[in-house]
Amino acid sequence: MSVPGFDPTHLGVTLAQMDREMVSQRADGTVLAGTESILAAYPLVGRGWMVWPLRVPLLRGLLSWLYRLFARNRYRMSRLMGYKGAPPCVDGVCANRNPYFNDRKDA
């Protein structure tokens, strides 16, 4: 999902490509996609240890394939896990609740 009017052509990708997998851009302009993007992003937020399996050559191909499978089906998987979407906004005021627990009245 993107902001109306967003055009990624300056990145050299289409919205369809961006919807299929994570796409990022380095400060030098290099565009990364899929697991390459994840490998670059996680260390920047202090989570580099979470992607160590992607650094293992024997695992990287398999994990890249699994990532693409997940990315293509992420909306379906989210619905199966109970994700109900963000609560609606009324008169410009939006509820700030976890969408996994939409049915809770006290959230």
C-alpha atoms as a PDB file:
ATOM      1  CA  MET A   1       0.000   0.000   0.000  1.00  0.00           C
ATOM      2  CA  SER A   2       1.322   3.447  -0.827  1.00  0.00           C
ATOM      3  CA  VAL A   3       0.381   7.071  -0.525  1.00  0.00           C
ATOM      4  CA  PRO A   4      -1.799   8.164  -3.460  1.00  0.00           C
ATOM      5  CA  GLY A   5       0.375   9.641  -6.176  1.00  0.00           C
ATOM      6  CA  PHE A   6       3.577   7.895  -5.064  1.00  0.00           C
ATOM      7  CA  ASP A   7       5.753   7.124  -8.078  1.00  0.00           C
ATOM      8  CA  PRO A   8       8.792   4.857  -7.563  1.00  0.00           C
ATOM      9  CA  THR A   9      10.172   5.230 -11.102  1.00  0.00           C
ATOM     10  CA  HIS A  10      13.132   7.259  -9.802  1.00  0.00           C
ATOM     11  CA  LEU A  11      14.160   4.079  -7.955  1.00  0.00           C
ATOM     12  CA  GLY A  12      14.022   2.031 -11.131  1.00  0.00           C
ATOM     13  CA  VAL A  13      11.192  -0.182  -9.837  1.00  0.00           C
ATOM     14  CA  THR A  14       7.424  -0.342 -10.199  1.00  0.00           C
ATOM     15  CA  LEU A  15       4.765  -0.333  -7.492  1.00  0.00           C
ATOM     16  CA  ALA A  16       4.085  -3.974  -8.357  1.00  0.00           C
ATOM     17  CA  GLN A  17       7.734  -4.847  -7.694  1.00  0.00           C
ATOM     18  CA  MET A  18       7.659  -2.935  -4.420  1.00  0.00           C
ATOM     19  CA  ASP A  19       4.515  -4.788  -3.397  1.00  0.00           C
ATOM     20  CA  ARG A  20       6.194  -8.154  -4.049  1.00  0.00           C
ATOM     21  CA  GLU A  21       9.186  -7.554  -1.762  1.00  0.00           C
ATOM     22  CA  MET A  22      10.869  -5.007   0.463  1.00  0.00           C
ATOM     23  CA  VAL A  23      12.763  -2.350  -1.508  1.00  0.00           C
ATOM     24  CA  SER A  24      15.159   0.182  -0.014  1.00  0.00           C
ATOM     25  CA  GLN A  25      17.687   2.742  -1.169  1.00  0.00           C
ATOM     26  CA  ARG A  26      21.126   3.404   0.275  1.00  0.00           C
ATOM     27  CA  ALA A  27      22.472   6.927   0.768  1.00  0.00           C
ATOM     28  CA  ASP A  28      24.609   6.479  -2.359  1.00  0.00           C
ATOM     29  CA  GLY A  29      21.466   5.778  -4.442  1.00  0.00           C
ATOM     30  CA  THR A  30      21.898   2.010  -4.699  1.00  0.00           C
ATOM     31  CA  VAL A  31      18.511   0.271  -4.701  1.00  0.00           C
ATOM     32  CA  LEU A  32      18.253  -3.010  -2.790  1.00  0.00           C
ATOM     33  CA  ALA A  33      15.417  -5.530  -2.900  1.00  0.00           C
ATOM     34  CA  GLY A  34      14.345  -8.568  -0.909  1.00  0.00           C
ATOM     35  CA  THR A  35      16.842 -10.096   1.474  1.00  0.00           C
ATOM     36  CA  GLU A  36      19.531  -7.617   0.348  1.00  0.00           C
ATOM     37  CA  SER A  37      17.319  -4.840   1.671  1.00  0.00           C
ATOM     38  CA  ILE A  38      16.750  -6.690   4.933  1.00  0.00           C
ATOM     39  CA  LEU A  39      20.491  -7.323   5.354  1.00  0.00           C
ATOM     40  CA  ALA A  40      21.157  -3.601   4.974  1.00  0.00           C
ATOM     41  CA  ALA A  41      18.290  -2.372   7.179  1.00  0.00           C
ATOM     42  CA  TYR A  42      18.407  -4.595  10.264  1.00  0.00           C
ATOM     43  CA  PRO A  43      21.924  -3.608  11.409  1.00  0.00           C
ATOM     44  CA  LEU A  44      20.936   0.068  11.102  1.00  0.00           C
ATOM     45  CA  VAL A  45      18.272  -0.404  13.762  1.00  0.00           C
ATOM     46  CA  GLY A  46      20.410  -2.545  16.061  1.00  0.00           C
ATOM     47  CA  ARG A  47      18.972  -5.865  14.895  1.00  0.00           C
ATOM     48  CA  GLY A  48      21.853  -7.166  12.795  1.00  0.00           C
ATOM     49  CA  TRP A  49      22.014 -10.310  14.916  1.00  0.00           C
ATOM     50  CA  MET A  50      18.549 -11.270  13.629  1.00  0.00           C
ATOM     51  CA  VAL A  51      19.780 -11.679  10.046  1.00  0.00           C
ATOM     52  CA  TRP A  52      22.892 -13.763  10.704  1.00  0.00           C
ATOM     53  CA  PRO A  53      21.403 -16.769   8.829  1.00  0.00           C
ATOM     54  CA  LEU A  54      21.288 -14.634   5.663  1.00  0.00           C
ATOM     55  CA  ARG A  55      25.045 -14.251   5.917  1.00  0.00           C
ATOM     56  CA  VAL A  56      25.599 -18.030   5.727  1.00  0.00           C
ATOM     57  CA  PRO A  57      26.121 -18.879   2.035  1.00  0.00           C
ATOM     58  CA  LEU A  58      24.463 -22.309   2.260  1.00  0.00           C
ATOM     59  CA  LEU A  59      21.342 -20.849   3.887  1.00  0.00           C
ATOM     60  CA  ARG A  60      21.066 -17.623   1.912  1.00  0.00           C
ATOM     61  CA  GLY A  61      19.539 -19.120  -1.239  1.00  0.00           C
ATOM     62  CA  LEU A  62      16.930 -21.087   0.682  1.00  0.00           C
ATOM     63  CA  LEU A  63      16.051 -18.157   2.954  1.00  0.00           C
ATOM     64  CA  SER A  64      15.802 -15.794  -0.026  1.00  0.00           C
ATOM     65  CA  TRP A  65      13.362 -18.199  -1.682  1.00  0.00           C
ATOM     66  CA  LEU A  66      11.334 -18.499   1.546  1.00  0.00           C
ATOM     67  CA  TYR A  67      11.279 -14.701   1.891  1.00  0.00           C
ATOM     68  CA  ARG A  68       9.898 -14.264  -1.647  1.00  0.00           C
ATOM     69  CA  LEU A  69       7.230 -16.901  -0.904  1.00  0.00           C
ATOM     70  CA  PHE A  70       6.292 -15.113   2.316  1.00  0.00           C
ATOM     71  CA  ALA A  71       6.331 -11.647   0.710  1.00  0.00           C
ATOM     72  CA  ARG A  72       3.971 -12.736  -2.073  1.00  0.00           C
ATOM     73  CA  ASN A  73       1.520 -14.168   0.465  1.00  0.00           C
ATOM     74  CA  ARG A  74       1.965 -11.819   3.443  1.00  0.00           C
ATOM     75  CA  TYR A  75      -1.548 -10.316   3.296  1.00  0.00           C
ATOM     76  CA  ARG A  76      -3.161 -13.751   3.148  1.00  0.00           C
ATOM     77  CA  MET A  77      -0.969 -14.993   6.032  1.00  0.00           C
ATOM     78  CA  SER A  78      -1.837 -11.930   8.114  1.00  0.00           C
ATOM     79  CA  ARG A  79      -5.559 -12.554   7.652  1.00  0.00           C
ATOM     80  CA  LEU A  80      -5.115 -16.227   8.602  1.00  0.00           C
ATOM     81  CA  MET A  81      -3.282 -15.141  11.776  1.00  0.00           C
ATOM     82  CA  GLY A  82      -6.192 -12.874  12.721  1.00  0.00           C
ATOM     83  CA  TYR A  83      -4.996  -9.457  11.550  1.00  0.00           C
ATOM     84  CA  LYS A  84      -8.110  -7.360  11.054  1.00  0.00           C
ATOM     85  CA  GLY A  85      -6.626  -4.136   9.725  1.00  0.00           C
ATOM     86  CA  ALA A  86      -6.323  -0.772  11.384  1.00  0.00           C
ATOM     87  CA  PRO A  87      -9.411   0.588  13.113  1.00  0.00           C
ATOM     88  CA  PRO A  88     -11.269   3.261  11.136  1.00  0.00           C
ATOM     89  CA  CYS A  89     -10.847   6.968  11.746  1.00  0.00           C
ATOM     90  CA  VAL A  90     -13.914   9.024  12.659  1.00  0.00           C
ATOM     91  CA  ASP A  91     -13.895  12.798  12.177  1.00  0.00           C
ATOM     92  CA  GLY A  92     -10.096  12.781  11.845  1.00  0.00           C
ATOM     93  CA  VAL A  93      -9.589  10.859  15.106  1.00  0.00           C
ATOM     94  CA  CYS A  94      -8.131   7.379  14.817  1.00  0.00           C
ATOM     95  CA  ALA A  95      -8.108   4.725  17.490  1.00  0.00           C
ATOM     96  CA  ASN A  96      -4.595   3.684  18.441  1.00  0.00           C
ATOM     97  CA  ARG A  97      -5.150  -0.003  19.040  1.00  0.00           C
ATOM     98  CA  ASN A  98      -3.282  -3.105  18.022  1.00  0.00           C
ATOM     99  CA  PRO A  99      -5.182  -4.467  14.991  1.00  0.00           C
ATOM    100  CA  TYR A 100      -4.595  -8.045  16.185  1.00  0.00           C
ATOM    101  CA  PHE A 101      -6.910  -7.296  19.125  1.00  0.00           C
ATOM    102  CA  ASN A 102      -9.691  -5.254  17.472  1.00  0.00           C
ATOM    103  CA  ASP A 103     -12.382  -7.070  19.417  1.00  0.00           C
ATOM    104  CA  ARG A 104     -11.100  -5.846  22.802  1.00  0.00           C
ATOM    105  CA  LYS A 105     -13.201  -3.004  24.215  1.00  0.00           C
ATOM    106  CA  ASP A 106     -10.598  -1.819  26.729  1.00  0.00           C
ATOM    107  CA  ALA A 107      -7.731  -1.413  24.245  1.00  0.00           C
END
